[in-house]
């Protein structure tokens, strides 16, 4: 399970990748599409586990400022600043649940 949360200055994307080590995880961004792909390879070279999750960001996402971190419990958190953030505080928050592909 993963999600998208937006504050007045940042979009946060999250995904549970606890089955993988950090070197197994690749995050790519193309236009407003962010893809998380993780793959664990067995000793014989065969792929033993894989994970892919895709997000579509709003038009105000600043992909050049994107950063990510992996929490100790295996949740990948991607932070994407908003371009020209609205200085007014948010009155509500939307959380979208993203299912694995």
PDB file of N, CA and C in Angstrom:
ATOM      1  N   UNK A   1       0.843  -1.174   0.000  1.00  0.00           N
ATOM      2  CA  UNK A   1       0.000   0.000   0.000  1.00  0.00           C
ATOM      3  C   UNK A   1       0.885   1.233   0.000  1.00  0.00           C
ATOM      4  N   UNK A   2       0.489   2.232  -0.703  1.00  0.00           N
ATOM      5  CA  UNK A   2       1.211   3.488  -0.744  1.00  0.00           C
ATOM      6  C   UNK A   2       0.218   4.617  -0.798  1.00  0.00           C
ATOM      7  N   UNK A   3       0.736   5.815  -0.772  1.00  0.00           N
ATOM      8  CA  UNK A   3      -0.187   6.919  -0.794  1.00  0.00           C
ATOM      9  C   UNK A   3       0.447   8.205  -1.253  1.00  0.00           C
ATOM     10  N   UNK A   4      -0.405   9.197  -1.459  1.00  0.00           N
ATOM     11  CA  UNK A   4      -0.001  10.536  -1.835  1.00  0.00           C
ATOM     12  C   UNK A   4      -0.622  11.485  -0.829  1.00  0.00           C
ATOM     13  N   UNK A   5       0.196  12.366  -0.297  1.00  0.00           N
ATOM     14  CA  UNK A   5      -0.300  13.378   0.639  1.00  0.00           C
ATOM     15  C   UNK A   5       0.278  14.707   0.188  1.00  0.00           C
ATOM     16  N   UNK A   6      -0.525  15.756   0.209  1.00  0.00           N
ATOM     17  CA  UNK A   6      -0.079  17.074  -0.223  1.00  0.00           C
ATOM     18  C   UNK A   6      -0.256  18.067   0.908  1.00  0.00           C
ATOM     19  N   UNK A   7       0.810  18.841   1.148  1.00  0.00           N
ATOM     20  CA  UNK A   7       0.732  19.958   2.083  1.00  0.00           C
ATOM     21  C   UNK A   7       0.818  21.240   1.260  1.00  0.00           C
ATOM     22  N   UNK A   8       0.848  22.373   1.915  1.00  0.00           N
ATOM     23  CA  UNK A   8       0.878  23.633   1.178  1.00  0.00           C
ATOM     24  C   UNK A   8       2.164  23.822   0.383  1.00  0.00           C
ATOM     25  N   UNK A   9       3.241  23.114   0.719  1.00  0.00           N
ATOM     26  CA  UNK A   9       4.517  23.306   0.036  1.00  0.00           C
ATOM     27  C   UNK A   9       5.089  22.054  -0.633  1.00  0.00           C
ATOM     28  N   UNK A  10       4.555  20.864  -0.307  1.00  0.00           N
ATOM     29  CA  UNK A  10       5.190  19.622  -0.754  1.00  0.00           C
ATOM     30  C   UNK A  10       4.165  18.538  -1.036  1.00  0.00           C
ATOM     31  N   UNK A  11       4.474  17.723  -2.048  1.00  0.00           N
ATOM     32  CA  UNK A  11       3.747  16.479  -2.294  1.00  0.00           C
ATOM     33  C   UNK A  11       4.596  15.360  -1.708  1.00  0.00           C
ATOM     34  N   UNK A  12       3.990  14.447  -0.957  1.00  0.00           N
ATOM     35  CA  UNK A  12       4.689  13.305  -0.387  1.00  0.00           C
ATOM     36  C   UNK A  12       4.101  12.030  -0.978  1.00  0.00           C
ATOM     37  N   UNK A  13       4.948  11.179  -1.512  1.00  0.00           N
ATOM     38  CA  UNK A  13       4.551   9.876  -2.027  1.00  0.00           C
ATOM     39  C   UNK A  13       5.155   8.831  -1.098  1.00  0.00           C
ATOM     40  N   UNK A  14       4.446   7.749  -0.848  1.00  0.00           N
ATOM     41  CA  UNK A  14       5.022   6.707   0.007  1.00  0.00           C
ATOM     42  C   UNK A  14       4.655   5.331  -0.522  1.00  0.00           C
ATOM     43  N   UNK A  15       5.552   4.384  -0.261  1.00  0.00           N
ATOM     44  CA  UNK A  15       5.327   2.999  -0.676  1.00  0.00           C
ATOM     45  C   UNK A  15       6.051   2.075   0.282  1.00  0.00           C
ATOM     46  N   UNK A  16       5.412   0.971   0.626  1.00  0.00           N
ATOM     47  CA  UNK A  16       6.030  -0.035   1.482  1.00  0.00           C
ATOM     48  C   UNK A  16       6.924  -0.924   0.626  1.00  0.00           C
ATOM     49  N   UNK A  17       8.219  -0.774   0.799  1.00  0.00           N
ATOM     50  CA  UNK A  17       9.204  -1.582   0.067  1.00  0.00           C
ATOM     51  C   UNK A  17      10.065  -2.361   1.055  1.00  0.00           C
ATOM     52  N   UNK A  18       9.474  -2.757   2.170  1.00  0.00           N
ATOM     53  CA  UNK A  18      10.217  -3.410   3.256  1.00  0.00           C
ATOM     54  C   UNK A  18      10.804  -4.762   2.846  1.00  0.00           C
ATOM     55  N   UNK A  19      10.342  -5.326   1.746  1.00  0.00           N
ATOM     56  CA  UNK A  19      10.890  -6.609   1.271  1.00  0.00           C
ATOM     57  C   UNK A  19      12.228  -6.425   0.560  1.00  0.00           C
ATOM     58  N   UNK A  20      12.653  -5.167   0.353  1.00  0.00           N
ATOM     59  CA  UNK A  20      13.843  -4.895  -0.457  1.00  0.00           C
ATOM     60  C   UNK A  20      14.868  -4.074   0.306  1.00  0.00           C
ATOM     61  N   UNK A  21      16.106  -4.170  -0.141  1.00  0.00           N
ATOM     62  CA  UNK A  21      17.194  -3.356   0.388  1.00  0.00           C
ATOM     63  C   UNK A  21      17.290  -2.091  -0.470  1.00  0.00           C
ATOM     64  N   UNK A  22      17.862  -1.021   0.081  1.00  0.00           N
ATOM     65  CA  UNK A  22      17.964   0.248  -0.643  1.00  0.00           C
ATOM     66  C   UNK A  22      18.610   0.112  -2.026  1.00  0.00           C
ATOM     67  N   UNK A  23      19.694  -0.673  -2.192  1.00  0.00           N
ATOM     68  CA  UNK A  23      20.295  -0.783  -3.531  1.00  0.00           C
ATOM     69  C   UNK A  23      19.393  -1.456  -4.571  1.00  0.00           C
ATOM     70  N   UNK A  24      18.345  -2.147  -4.112  1.00  0.00           N
ATOM     71  CA  UNK A  24      17.434  -2.839  -5.021  1.00  0.00           C
ATOM     72  C   UNK A  24      16.329  -1.926  -5.556  1.00  0.00           C
ATOM     73  N   UNK A  25      16.256  -0.679  -5.048  1.00  0.00           N
ATOM     74  CA  UNK A  25      15.138   0.219  -5.345  1.00  0.00           C
ATOM     75  C   UNK A  25      15.590   1.330  -6.281  1.00  0.00           C
ATOM     76  N   UNK A  26      14.809   1.553  -7.341  1.00  0.00           N
ATOM     77  CA  UNK A  26      15.099   2.625  -8.295  1.00  0.00           C
ATOM     78  C   UNK A  26      13.856   3.499  -8.418  1.00  0.00           C
ATOM     79  N   UNK A  27      14.046   4.816  -8.311  1.00  0.00           N
ATOM     80  CA  UNK A  27      12.956   5.769  -8.486  1.00  0.00           C
ATOM     81  C   UNK A  27      13.264   6.588  -9.728  1.00  0.00           C
ATOM     82  N   UNK A  28      12.311   6.647 -10.656  1.00  0.00           N
ATOM     83  CA  UNK A  28      12.493   7.444 -11.865  1.00  0.00           C
ATOM     84  C   UNK A  28      11.348   8.444 -11.986  1.00  0.00           C
ATOM     85  N   UNK A  29      11.634   9.562 -12.645  1.00  0.00           N
ATOM     86  CA  UNK A  29      10.628  10.585 -12.886  1.00  0.00           C
ATOM     87  C   UNK A  29      10.705  11.001 -14.341  1.00  0.00           C
ATOM     88  N   UNK A  30       9.552  11.031 -14.990  1.00  0.00           N
ATOM     89  CA  UNK A  30       9.464  11.443 -16.385  1.00  0.00           C
ATOM     90  C   UNK A  30       8.217  12.304 -16.508  1.00  0.00           C
ATOM     91  N   UNK A  31       8.431  13.581 -16.838  1.00  0.00           N
ATOM     92  CA  UNK A  31       7.337  14.550 -16.823  1.00  0.00           C
ATOM     93  C   UNK A  31       6.746  14.529 -15.418  1.00  0.00           C
ATOM     94  N   UNK A  32       5.511  14.249 -15.237  1.00  0.00           N
ATOM     95  CA  UNK A  32       4.901  14.223 -13.908  1.00  0.00           C
ATOM     96  C   UNK A  32       4.652  12.807 -13.416  1.00  0.00           C
ATOM     97  N   UNK A  33       5.238  11.834 -14.095  1.00  0.00           N
ATOM     98  CA  UNK A  33       5.083  10.432 -13.727  1.00  0.00           C
ATOM     99  C   UNK A  33       6.287   9.979 -12.893  1.00  0.00           C
ATOM    100  N   UNK A  34       6.031   9.442 -11.718  1.00  0.00           N
ATOM    101  CA  UNK A  34       7.086   8.911 -10.851  1.00  0.00           C
ATOM    102  C   UNK A  34       6.852   7.405 -10.742  1.00  0.00           C
ATOM    103  N   UNK A  35       7.920   6.635 -10.963  1.00  0.00           N
ATOM    104  CA  UNK A  35       7.833   5.184 -10.883  1.00  0.00           C
ATOM    105  C   UNK A  35       8.834   4.671  -9.861  1.00  0.00           C
ATOM    106  N   UNK A  36       8.353   3.802  -8.995  1.00  0.00           N
ATOM    107  CA  UNK A  36       9.219   3.093  -8.047  1.00  0.00           C
ATOM    108  C   UNK A  36       9.310   1.664  -8.548  1.00  0.00           C
ATOM    109  N   UNK A  37      10.530   1.184  -8.723  1.00  0.00           N
ATOM    110  CA  UNK A  37      10.722  -0.206  -9.139  1.00  0.00           C
ATOM    111  C   UNK A  37      11.773  -0.825  -8.225  1.00  0.00           C
ATOM    112  N   UNK A  38      11.451  -1.976  -7.687  1.00  0.00           N
ATOM    113  CA  UNK A  38      12.389  -2.706  -6.837  1.00  0.00           C
ATOM    114  C   UNK A  38      12.450  -4.144  -7.326  1.00  0.00           C
ATOM    115  N   UNK A  39      13.643  -4.705  -7.255  1.00  0.00           N
ATOM    116  CA  UNK A  39      13.831  -6.073  -7.746  1.00  0.00           C
ATOM    117  C   UNK A  39      14.896  -6.756  -6.898  1.00  0.00           C
ATOM    118  N   UNK A  40      14.559  -7.933  -6.414  1.00  0.00           N
ATOM    119  CA  UNK A  40      15.529  -8.730  -5.650  1.00  0.00           C
ATOM    120  C   UNK A  40      15.937  -9.901  -6.537  1.00  0.00           C
ATOM    121  N   UNK A  41      17.256 -10.076  -6.659  1.00  0.00           N
ATOM    122  CA  UNK A  41      17.794 -11.120  -7.528  1.00  0.00           C
ATOM    123  C   UNK A  41      18.412 -12.210  -6.658  1.00  0.00           C
ATOM    124  N   UNK A  42      18.055 -13.465  -6.940  1.00  0.00           N
ATOM    125  CA  UNK A  42      18.590 -14.615  -6.202  1.00  0.00           C
ATOM    126  C   UNK A  42      20.035 -14.867  -6.616  1.00  0.00           C
ATOM    127  N   UNK A  43      20.707 -15.722  -5.871  1.00  0.00           N
ATOM    128  CA  UNK A  43      22.110 -16.039  -6.159  1.00  0.00           C
ATOM    129  C   UNK A  43      22.313 -16.628  -7.545  1.00  0.00           C
ATOM    130  N   UNK A  44      21.291 -17.305  -8.074  1.00  0.00           N
ATOM    131  CA  UNK A  44      21.419 -17.900  -9.408  1.00  0.00           C
ATOM    132  C   UNK A  44      21.128 -16.898 -10.525  1.00  0.00           C
ATOM    133  N   UNK A  45      20.846 -15.633 -10.158  1.00  0.00           N
ATOM    134  CA  UNK A  45      20.594 -14.594 -11.148  1.00  0.00           C
ATOM    135  C   UNK A  45      19.138 -14.407 -11.517  1.00  0.00           C
ATOM    136  N   UNK A  46      18.273 -15.263 -11.015  1.00  0.00           N
ATOM    137  CA  UNK A  46      16.844 -15.151 -11.310  1.00  0.00           C
ATOM    138  C   UNK A  46      16.208 -14.087 -10.410  1.00  0.00           C
ATOM    139  N   UNK A  47      15.229 -13.385 -10.917  1.00  0.00           N
ATOM    140  CA  UNK A  47      14.504 -12.408 -10.122  1.00  0.00           C
ATOM    141  C   UNK A  47      13.593 -13.161  -9.164  1.00  0.00           C
ATOM    142  N   UNK A  48      13.799 -12.939  -7.863  1.00  0.00           N
ATOM    143  CA  UNK A  48      13.012 -13.663  -6.874  1.00  0.00           C
ATOM    144  C   UNK A  48      11.826 -12.852  -6.345  1.00  0.00           C
ATOM    145  N   UNK A  49      11.863 -11.540  -6.521  1.00  0.00           N
ATOM    146  CA  UNK A  49      10.769 -10.689  -6.064  1.00  0.00           C
ATOM    147  C   UNK A  49      10.875  -9.356  -6.789  1.00  0.00           C
ATOM    148  N   UNK A  50       9.740  -8.775  -7.136  1.00  0.00           N
ATOM    149  CA  UNK A  50       9.764  -7.461  -7.773  1.00  0.00           C
ATOM    150  C   UNK A  50       8.549  -6.650  -7.339  1.00  0.00           C
ATOM    151  N   UNK A  51       8.659  -5.348  -7.486  1.00  0.00           N
ATOM    152  CA  UNK A  51       7.618  -4.415  -7.064  1.00  0.00           C
ATOM    153  C   UNK A  51       7.681  -3.212  -7.988  1.00  0.00           C
ATOM    154  N   UNK A  52       6.533  -2.750  -8.468  1.00  0.00           N
ATOM    155  CA  UNK A  52       6.463  -1.525  -9.258  1.00  0.00           C
ATOM    156  C   UNK A  52       5.238  -0.750  -8.819  1.00  0.00           C
ATOM    157  N   UNK A  53       5.423   0.543  -8.621  1.00  0.00           N
ATOM    158  CA  UNK A  53       4.307   1.418  -8.278  1.00  0.00           C
ATOM    159  C   UNK A  53       4.500   2.723  -9.040  1.00  0.00           C
ATOM    160  N   UNK A  54       3.410   3.233  -9.606  1.00  0.00           N
ATOM    161  CA  UNK A  54       3.470   4.455 -10.401  1.00  0.00           C
ATOM    162  C   UNK A  54       2.554   5.512  -9.799  1.00  0.00           C
ATOM    163  N   UNK A  55       3.022   6.754  -9.875  1.00  0.00           N
ATOM    164  CA  UNK A  55       2.261   7.893  -9.386  1.00  0.00           C
ATOM    165  C   UNK A  55       2.207   8.949 -10.483  1.00  0.00           C
ATOM    166  N   UNK A  56       1.103   9.668 -10.567  1.00  0.00           N
ATOM    167  CA  UNK A  56       0.985  10.822 -11.443  1.00  0.00           C
ATOM    168  C   UNK A  56       0.847  12.038 -10.537  1.00  0.00           C
ATOM    169  N   UNK A  57       1.805  12.947 -10.644  1.00  0.00           N
ATOM    170  CA  UNK A  57       1.803  14.131  -9.795  1.00  0.00           C
ATOM    171  C   UNK A  57       0.995  15.263 -10.418  1.00  0.00           C
ATOM    172  N   UNK A  58       0.519  16.188  -9.593  1.00  0.00           N
ATOM    173  CA  UNK A  58      -0.163  17.369 -10.123  1.00  0.00           C
ATOM    174  C   UNK A  58       0.811  18.265 -10.899  1.00  0.00           C
ATOM    175  N   UNK A  59       0.262  19.159 -11.682  1.00  0.00           N
ATOM    176  CA  UNK A  59       1.067  20.026 -12.549  1.00  0.00           C
ATOM    177  C   UNK A  59       2.011  20.946 -11.782  1.00  0.00           C
ATOM    178  N   UNK A  60       1.763  21.184 -10.498  1.00  0.00           N
ATOM    179  CA  UNK A  60       2.623  22.093  -9.738  1.00  0.00           C
ATOM    180  C   UNK A  60       3.821  21.400  -9.082  1.00  0.00           C
ATOM    181  N   UNK A  61       4.091  20.161  -9.452  1.00  0.00           N
ATOM    182  CA  UNK A  61       5.213  19.418  -8.858  1.00  0.00           C
ATOM    183  C   UNK A  61       6.539  19.876  -9.463  1.00  0.00           C
ATOM    184  N   UNK A  62       7.533  20.104  -8.604  1.00  0.00           N
ATOM    185  CA  UNK A  62       8.881  20.495  -9.019  1.00  0.00           C
ATOM    186  C   UNK A  62       9.777  19.261  -8.961  1.00  0.00           C
ATOM    187  N   UNK A  63       9.840  18.508 -10.057  1.00  0.00           N
ATOM    188  CA  UNK A  63      10.598  17.255 -10.060  1.00  0.00           C
ATOM    189  C   UNK A  63      12.094  17.469  -9.862  1.00  0.00           C
ATOM    190  N   UNK A  64      12.605  18.647 -10.186  1.00  0.00           N
ATOM    191  CA  UNK A  64      14.032  18.906  -9.982  1.00  0.00           C
ATOM    192  C   UNK A  64      14.384  18.972  -8.495  1.00  0.00           C
ATOM    193  N   UNK A  65      13.400  19.239  -7.656  1.00  0.00           N
ATOM    194  CA  UNK A  65      13.637  19.294  -6.217  1.00  0.00           C
ATOM    195  C   UNK A  65      13.272  18.014  -5.496  1.00  0.00           C
ATOM    196  N   UNK A  66      12.956  16.967  -6.243  1.00  0.00           N
ATOM    197  CA  UNK A  66      12.513  15.707  -5.654  1.00  0.00           C
ATOM    198  C   UNK A  66      13.636  15.044  -4.853  1.00  0.00           C
ATOM    199  N   UNK A  67      13.277  14.477  -3.718  1.00  0.00           N
ATOM    200  CA  UNK A  67      14.237  13.708  -2.915  1.00  0.00           C
ATOM    201  C   UNK A  67      13.493  12.517  -2.327  1.00  0.00           C
ATOM    202  N   UNK A  68      14.251  11.500  -1.898  1.00  0.00           N
ATOM    203  CA  UNK A  68      13.593  10.342  -1.295  1.00  0.00           C
ATOM    204  C   UNK A  68      14.441   9.785  -0.168  1.00  0.00           C
ATOM    205  N   UNK A  69      13.758   9.092   0.734  1.00  0.00           N
ATOM    206  CA  UNK A  69      14.441   8.453   1.857  1.00  0.00           C
ATOM    207  C   UNK A  69      13.702   7.172   2.204  1.00  0.00           C
ATOM    208  N   UNK A  70      14.428   6.274   2.837  1.00  0.00           N
ATOM    209  CA  UNK A  70      13.873   4.988   3.239  1.00  0.00           C
ATOM    210  C   UNK A  70      13.833   4.954   4.762  1.00  0.00           C
ATOM    211  N   UNK A  71      12.638   4.774   5.330  1.00  0.00           N
ATOM    212  CA  UNK A  71      12.506   4.745   6.781  1.00  0.00           C
ATOM    213  C   UNK A  71      13.039   3.417   7.320  1.00  0.00           C
ATOM    214  N   UNK A  72      13.349   3.344   8.611  1.00  0.00           N
ATOM    215  CA  UNK A  72      13.845   2.095   9.188  1.00  0.00           C
ATOM    216  C   UNK A  72      12.875   0.916   9.026  1.00  0.00           C
ATOM    217  N   UNK A  73      11.571   1.195   8.927  1.00  0.00           N
ATOM    218  CA  UNK A  73      10.604   0.108   8.766  1.00  0.00           C
ATOM    219  C   UNK A  73      10.279  -0.189   7.306  1.00  0.00           C
ATOM    220  N   UNK A  74      11.073   0.355   6.364  1.00  0.00           N
ATOM    221  CA  UNK A  74      10.952  -0.023   4.960  1.00  0.00           C
ATOM    222  C   UNK A  74       9.941   0.742   4.132  1.00  0.00           C
ATOM    223  N   UNK A  75       9.580   1.937   4.555  1.00  0.00           N
ATOM    224  CA  UNK A  75       8.681   2.764   3.763  1.00  0.00           C
ATOM    225  C   UNK A  75       9.514   3.789   2.995  1.00  0.00           C
ATOM    226  N   UNK A  76       9.374   3.793   1.692  1.00  0.00           N
ATOM    227  CA  UNK A  76      10.051   4.769   0.853  1.00  0.00           C
ATOM    228  C   UNK A  76       9.186   6.021   0.829  1.00  0.00           C
ATOM    229  N   UNK A  77       9.780   7.163   1.182  1.00  0.00           N
ATOM    230  CA  UNK A  77       9.067   8.435   1.184  1.00  0.00           C
ATOM    231  C   UNK A  77       9.736   9.347   0.166  1.00  0.00           C
ATOM    232  N   UNK A  78       8.963   9.803  -0.807  1.00  0.00           N
ATOM    233  CA  UNK A  78       9.454  10.704  -1.844  1.00  0.00           C
ATOM    234  C   UNK A  78       8.830  12.067  -1.591  1.00  0.00           C
ATOM    235  N   UNK A  79       9.676  13.084  -1.492  1.00  0.00           N
ATOM    236  CA  UNK A  79       9.215  14.457  -1.275  1.00  0.00           C
ATOM    237  C   UNK A  79       9.401  15.238  -2.561  1.00  0.00           C
ATOM    238  N   UNK A  80       8.342  15.899  -3.003  1.00  0.00           N
ATOM    239  CA  UNK A  80       8.386  16.686  -4.232  1.00  0.00           C
ATOM    240  C   UNK A  80       7.849  18.079  -3.911  1.00  0.00           C
ATOM    241  N   UNK A  81       8.731  19.098  -3.953  1.00  0.00           N
ATOM    242  CA  UNK A  81       8.248  20.454  -3.668  1.00  0.00           C
ATOM    243  C   UNK A  81       7.208  20.903  -4.693  1.00  0.00           C
ATOM    244  N   UNK A  82       6.358  21.799  -4.265  1.00  0.00           N
ATOM    245  CA  UNK A  82       5.368  22.384  -5.171  1.00  0.00           C
ATOM    246  C   UNK A  82       5.934  23.686  -5.740  1.00  0.00           C
ATOM    247  N   UNK A  83       5.703  23.925  -7.015  1.00  0.00           N
ATOM    248  CA  UNK A  83       6.065  25.193  -7.640  1.00  0.00           C
ATOM    249  C   UNK A  83       5.052  26.244  -7.208  1.00  0.00           C
ATOM    250  N   UNK A  84       5.534  27.413  -6.844  1.00  0.00           N
ATOM    251  CA  UNK A  84       4.643  28.506  -6.439  1.00  0.00           C
ATOM    252  C   UNK A  84       3.558  28.022  -5.482  1.00  0.00           C
ATOM    253  N   UNK A  85       3.982  27.504  -4.334  1.00  0.00           N
ATOM    254  CA  UNK A  85       2.982  26.981  -3.400  1.00  0.00           C
ATOM    255  C   UNK A  85       2.015  28.070  -2.956  1.00  0.00           C
ATOM    256  N   UNK A  86       0.804  27.654  -2.709  1.00  0.00           N
ATOM    257  CA  UNK A  86      -0.233  28.554  -2.233  1.00  0.00           C
ATOM    258  C   UNK A  86       0.095  28.945  -0.794  1.00  0.00           C
ATOM    259  N   UNK A  87       0.242  30.235  -0.504  1.00  0.00           N
ATOM    260  CA  UNK A  87       0.607  30.642   0.858  1.00  0.00           C
ATOM    261  C   UNK A  87      -0.514  30.431   1.868  1.00  0.00           C
ATOM    262  N   UNK A  88      -1.736  30.201   1.391  1.00  0.00           N
ATOM    263  CA  UNK A  88      -2.850  29.967   2.317  1.00  0.00           C
ATOM    264  C   UNK A  88      -2.749  28.552   2.887  1.00  0.00           C
ATOM    265  N   UNK A  89      -3.058  28.367   4.141  1.00  0.00           N
ATOM    266  CA  UNK A  89      -3.032  27.014   4.704  1.00  0.00           C
ATOM    267  C   UNK A  89      -4.100  26.141   4.067  1.00  0.00           C
ATOM    268  N   UNK A  90      -3.811  24.862   3.976  1.00  0.00           N
ATOM    269  CA  UNK A  90      -4.795  23.923   3.438  1.00  0.00           C
ATOM    270  C   UNK A  90      -5.929  23.760   4.432  1.00  0.00           C
ATOM    271  N   UNK A  91      -7.131  23.697   3.917  1.00  0.00           N
ATOM    272  CA  UNK A  91      -8.277  23.499   4.795  1.00  0.00           C
ATOM    273  C   UNK A  91      -8.678  22.036   4.872  1.00  0.00           C
ATOM    274  N   UNK A  92      -8.192  21.241   3.930  1.00  0.00           N
ATOM    275  CA  UNK A  92      -8.461  19.813   3.978  1.00  0.00           C
ATOM    276  C   UNK A  92      -7.284  19.084   3.333  1.00  0.00           C
ATOM    277  N   UNK A  93      -7.226  17.793   3.551  1.00  0.00           N
ATOM    278  CA  UNK A  93      -6.139  16.983   3.021  1.00  0.00           C
ATOM    279  C   UNK A  93      -6.749  15.799   2.293  1.00  0.00           C
ATOM    280  N   UNK A  94      -6.175  15.482   1.137  1.00  0.00           N
ATOM    281  CA  UNK A  94      -6.633  14.327   0.378  1.00  0.00           C
ATOM    282  C   UNK A  94      -5.580  13.250   0.424  1.00  0.00           C
ATOM    283  N   UNK A  95      -5.986  12.042   0.705  1.00  0.00           N
ATOM    284  CA  UNK A  95      -5.082  10.902   0.713  1.00  0.00           C
ATOM    285  C   UNK A  95      -5.617   9.907  -0.298  1.00  0.00           C
ATOM    286  N   UNK A  96      -4.768   9.528  -1.253  1.00  0.00           N
ATOM    287  CA  UNK A  96      -5.152   8.559  -2.269  1.00  0.00           C
ATOM    288  C   UNK A  96      -4.428   7.256  -1.997  1.00  0.00           C
ATOM    289  N   UNK A  97      -5.123   6.154  -2.044  1.00  0.00           N
ATOM    290  CA  UNK A  97      -4.509   4.848  -1.863  1.00  0.00           C
ATOM    291  C   UNK A  97      -4.147   4.313  -3.232  1.00  0.00           C
ATOM    292  N   UNK A  98      -2.894   3.925  -3.393  1.00  0.00           N
ATOM    293  CA  UNK A  98      -2.388   3.409  -4.658  1.00  0.00           C
ATOM    294  C   UNK A  98      -2.160   1.911  -4.485  1.00  0.00           C
ATOM    295  N   UNK A  99      -2.692   1.113  -5.384  1.00  0.00           N
ATOM    296  CA  UNK A  99      -2.496  -0.338  -5.278  1.00  0.00           C
ATOM    297  C   UNK A  99      -1.300  -0.774  -6.097  1.00  0.00           C
ATOM    298  N   UNK A 100      -0.695  -1.885  -5.706  1.00  0.00           N
ATOM    299  CA  UNK A 100       0.441  -2.444  -6.430  1.00  0.00           C
ATOM    300  C   UNK A 100       0.000  -2.854  -7.834  1.00  0.00           C
ATOM    301  N   UNK A 101       0.954  -2.745  -8.771  1.00  0.00           N
ATOM    302  CA  UNK A 101       0.637  -3.168 -10.138  1.00  0.00           C
ATOM    303  C   UNK A 101       0.981  -4.615 -10.328  1.00  0.00           C
TER     304      UNK A 101
END
